[in-house]
N, C-alpha and C. Protein backbone atom coordinates (compact mmCIF):
# COMPACT_ATOMS: atom_id res chain seq x y z
N MET A 1 -17.89 -105.85 -32.55
CA MET A 1 -18.46 -104.38 -32.58
C MET A 1 -19.13 -103.46 -31.67
N ALA A 2 -18.92 -102.36 -31.89
CA ALA A 2 -19.16 -101.19 -30.49
C ALA A 2 -20.62 -101.22 -29.73
N SER A 3 -20.82 -101.23 -28.93
CA SER A 3 -21.94 -100.95 -28.30
C SER A 3 -22.56 -99.45 -28.84
N ILE A 4 -23.72 -99.30 -28.67
CA ILE A 4 -24.17 -97.79 -28.85
C ILE A 4 -25.02 -97.53 -27.42
N ILE A 5 -24.52 -96.47 -26.82
CA ILE A 5 -24.87 -95.41 -25.72
C ILE A 5 -25.92 -94.64 -26.23
N PRO A 6 -27.18 -95.10 -25.80
CA PRO A 6 -28.51 -94.14 -25.93
C PRO A 6 -27.86 -92.99 -25.04
N PRO A 7 -29.05 -91.73 -25.57
CA PRO A 7 -28.30 -90.33 -24.97
C PRO A 7 -29.19 -90.27 -23.94
N SER A 8 -28.53 -89.53 -23.14
CA SER A 8 -29.35 -89.82 -21.43
C SER A 8 -30.65 -88.45 -21.59
N ASN A 9 -30.45 -87.52 -22.55
CA ASN A 9 -31.65 -87.12 -22.88
C ASN A 9 -32.26 -86.71 -23.79
N PRO A 10 -32.77 -87.81 -24.54
CA PRO A 10 -33.19 -87.82 -25.68
C PRO A 10 -34.04 -86.73 -26.14
N ILE A 11 -34.36 -86.82 -27.37
CA ILE A 11 -34.94 -85.74 -28.57
C ILE A 11 -36.07 -85.82 -28.87
N ASP A 12 -37.05 -84.76 -28.37
CA ASP A 12 -37.89 -85.12 -29.11
C ASP A 12 -38.67 -83.76 -29.96
N PRO A 13 -39.04 -84.56 -30.89
CA PRO A 13 -39.75 -83.93 -32.03
C PRO A 13 -40.05 -82.53 -32.18
N GLU A 14 -40.64 -82.38 -31.09
CA GLU A 14 -40.97 -80.49 -30.48
C GLU A 14 -39.75 -79.38 -30.26
N ASP A 15 -38.60 -80.11 -30.52
CA ASP A 15 -37.96 -79.25 -30.45
C ASP A 15 -36.84 -79.28 -31.34
N TYR A 16 -37.29 -79.95 -32.15
CA TYR A 16 -36.39 -79.50 -33.41
C TYR A 16 -37.14 -79.30 -34.97
N TYR A 17 -36.48 -78.83 -36.36
CA TYR A 17 -37.41 -79.07 -37.00
C TYR A 17 -36.22 -78.67 -38.34
N LYS A 18 -36.67 -79.56 -39.40
CA LYS A 18 -35.68 -79.67 -40.93
C LYS A 18 -35.89 -78.77 -41.88
N THR A 19 -34.73 -77.89 -42.39
CA THR A 19 -34.96 -76.90 -42.96
C THR A 19 -35.48 -77.53 -44.31
N GLU A 20 -35.27 -76.99 -45.18
CA GLU A 20 -35.32 -77.00 -47.40
C GLU A 20 -34.08 -78.11 -47.08
N GLU A 21 -33.18 -77.48 -46.74
CA GLU A 21 -31.90 -77.87 -46.94
C GLU A 21 -31.48 -79.49 -46.08
N GLY A 22 -32.43 -79.33 -45.64
CA GLY A 22 -32.71 -80.86 -45.03
C GLY A 22 -31.41 -80.96 -43.62
N TYR A 23 -31.51 -79.47 -43.20
CA TYR A 23 -30.24 -79.47 -41.82
C TYR A 23 -31.47 -79.47 -40.95
N ILE A 24 -30.97 -79.95 -39.41
CA ILE A 24 -31.73 -80.34 -38.49
C ILE A 24 -31.58 -78.62 -37.47
N VAL A 25 -32.19 -77.99 -37.34
CA VAL A 25 -32.55 -77.08 -36.13
C VAL A 25 -32.86 -76.83 -35.18
N PHE A 26 -32.24 -76.70 -33.77
CA PHE A 26 -32.90 -76.84 -32.62
C PHE A 26 -33.54 -75.94 -32.38
N LYS A 27 -34.94 -75.82 -31.27
CA LYS A 27 -35.18 -74.49 -31.00
C LYS A 27 -34.97 -74.26 -29.36
N ALA A 28 -35.43 -73.03 -29.61
CA ALA A 28 -35.05 -72.46 -28.54
C ALA A 28 -35.44 -73.92 -27.01
N SER A 29 -36.14 -74.52 -26.72
CA SER A 29 -36.79 -75.18 -25.89
C SER A 29 -36.01 -76.66 -25.81
N TYR A 30 -35.48 -77.17 -26.70
CA TYR A 30 -33.92 -77.88 -26.86
C TYR A 30 -32.89 -77.21 -25.92
N HIS A 31 -32.32 -75.98 -26.17
CA HIS A 31 -31.17 -75.09 -25.53
C HIS A 31 -31.75 -75.34 -24.28
N LEU A 32 -32.62 -74.92 -23.62
CA LEU A 32 -32.88 -74.86 -22.28
C LEU A 32 -33.21 -76.04 -21.90
N LYS A 33 -33.32 -77.00 -22.43
CA LYS A 33 -33.50 -78.75 -21.42
C LYS A 33 -32.10 -78.66 -21.35
N ARG A 34 -31.73 -78.57 -22.21
CA ARG A 34 -29.94 -78.85 -22.34
C ARG A 34 -29.30 -78.51 -21.46
N GLY A 35 -29.24 -77.22 -21.04
CA GLY A 35 -29.15 -76.78 -19.61
C GLY A 35 -27.69 -75.83 -20.05
N TYR A 36 -27.14 -74.98 -21.20
CA TYR A 36 -26.27 -74.38 -21.40
C TYR A 36 -25.55 -74.10 -23.06
N CYS A 37 -25.23 -73.06 -23.07
CA CYS A 37 -25.19 -72.61 -24.20
C CYS A 37 -23.65 -73.03 -24.75
N CYS A 38 -23.59 -73.55 -26.16
CA CYS A 38 -22.66 -74.63 -26.65
C CYS A 38 -21.71 -73.68 -27.40
N GLN A 39 -22.19 -72.63 -27.48
CA GLN A 39 -21.57 -71.10 -28.28
C GLN A 39 -20.83 -71.71 -29.78
N SER A 40 -22.10 -72.19 -30.40
CA SER A 40 -21.88 -72.73 -31.78
C SER A 40 -22.10 -71.56 -33.04
N GLY A 41 -23.27 -70.68 -32.25
CA GLY A 41 -24.16 -69.39 -33.14
C GLY A 41 -25.61 -69.88 -33.88
N CYS A 42 -25.95 -71.00 -32.16
CA CYS A 42 -27.44 -71.50 -32.89
C CYS A 42 -28.65 -70.43 -33.22
N ARG A 43 -29.79 -70.83 -33.89
CA ARG A 43 -30.52 -69.95 -34.82
C ARG A 43 -30.84 -69.30 -33.96
N HIS A 44 -31.62 -70.49 -32.83
CA HIS A 44 -32.72 -69.88 -31.49
C HIS A 44 -32.02 -70.45 -30.27
N CYS A 45 -30.88 -69.64 -30.11
CA CYS A 45 -29.93 -69.51 -28.95
C CYS A 45 -30.71 -68.62 -28.16
N PRO A 46 -31.28 -69.30 -26.73
CA PRO A 46 -32.01 -68.72 -25.85
C PRO A 46 -31.22 -67.64 -24.78
N TYR A 47 -29.91 -68.18 -24.92
CA TYR A 47 -28.50 -67.80 -24.20
C TYR A 47 -28.32 -66.27 -24.91
N GLY A 48 -28.52 -66.08 -26.05
CA GLY A 48 -27.91 -64.54 -26.43
C GLY A 48 -26.50 -64.40 -26.75
N PHE A 49 -26.14 -65.49 -27.63
CA PHE A 49 -25.08 -65.66 -27.74
C PHE A 49 -24.66 -65.23 -29.23
N ASP A 50 -23.49 -64.52 -29.25
CA ASP A 50 -23.53 -63.64 -30.82
C ASP A 50 -22.16 -64.15 -31.26
N LEU A 51 -22.38 -64.92 -32.30
CA LEU A 51 -20.96 -65.78 -32.89
C LEU A 51 -19.96 -64.49 -33.08
N ARG A 52 -20.63 -63.42 -33.71
CA ARG A 52 -19.58 -62.58 -34.53
C ARG A 52 -18.66 -61.94 -33.53
N THR A 53 -18.84 -61.58 -31.96
CA THR A 53 -18.70 -61.10 -31.00
C THR A 53 -18.05 -62.01 -29.86
N GLY A 54 -18.42 -63.57 -29.66
CA GLY A 54 -18.55 -64.05 -29.33
C GLY A 54 -19.08 -64.10 -27.99
N LYS A 55 -19.48 -63.44 -27.32
CA LYS A 55 -20.55 -62.77 -25.99
C LYS A 55 -21.53 -63.70 -25.49
N ILE A 56 -22.17 -63.67 -24.80
CA ILE A 56 -23.46 -64.31 -24.72
C ILE A 56 -24.20 -62.79 -23.59
N THR A 57 -25.68 -62.46 -24.05
CA THR A 57 -26.20 -61.33 -23.93
C THR A 57 -27.34 -62.15 -23.87
N LYS A 58 -27.98 -62.01 -22.77
CA LYS A 58 -29.77 -62.90 -22.59
C LYS A 58 -30.57 -61.82 -23.07
N PRO A 59 -31.37 -62.33 -23.83
CA PRO A 59 -32.76 -61.60 -24.20
C PRO A 59 -33.34 -61.53 -23.38
N SER A 60 -34.36 -60.23 -23.60
CA SER A 60 -35.61 -60.52 -22.76
C SER A 60 -36.31 -61.36 -23.03
N LYS A 61 -36.85 -62.36 -24.79
CA LYS A 61 -37.38 -63.13 -24.43
C LYS A 61 -36.90 -64.24 -25.28
N PRO A 62 -36.61 -65.19 -25.19
CA PRO A 62 -36.47 -66.23 -26.09
C PRO A 62 -37.16 -66.32 -27.20
N ASP A 63 -36.79 -66.69 -28.44
CA ASP A 63 -37.63 -67.13 -29.82
C ASP A 63 -37.83 -68.54 -29.61
N ASP A 64 -38.58 -68.99 -29.38
CA ASP A 64 -39.44 -70.31 -29.03
C ASP A 64 -40.13 -71.03 -29.67
N ASN A 65 -40.53 -70.01 -31.05
CA ASN A 65 -41.63 -70.55 -32.25
C ASN A 65 -41.41 -71.01 -33.06
N ALA A 66 -39.83 -70.57 -33.40
CA ALA A 66 -39.49 -70.84 -34.64
C ALA A 66 -38.45 -72.11 -35.48
């Protein structure tokens, strides 16, 4: 049986929410704690990554409330 390694930075319940469809959506607070952009086109990306252009443009104020 394989051992399970706990994550080094556990996810706080305040860092995400679930949509009506059951998807987990991370808030900007989680992305900022992680410290880098994953370039996946996240809904609340505080780094300003645009999936359509593939470029990062830092917005003036991250959306952390939704």
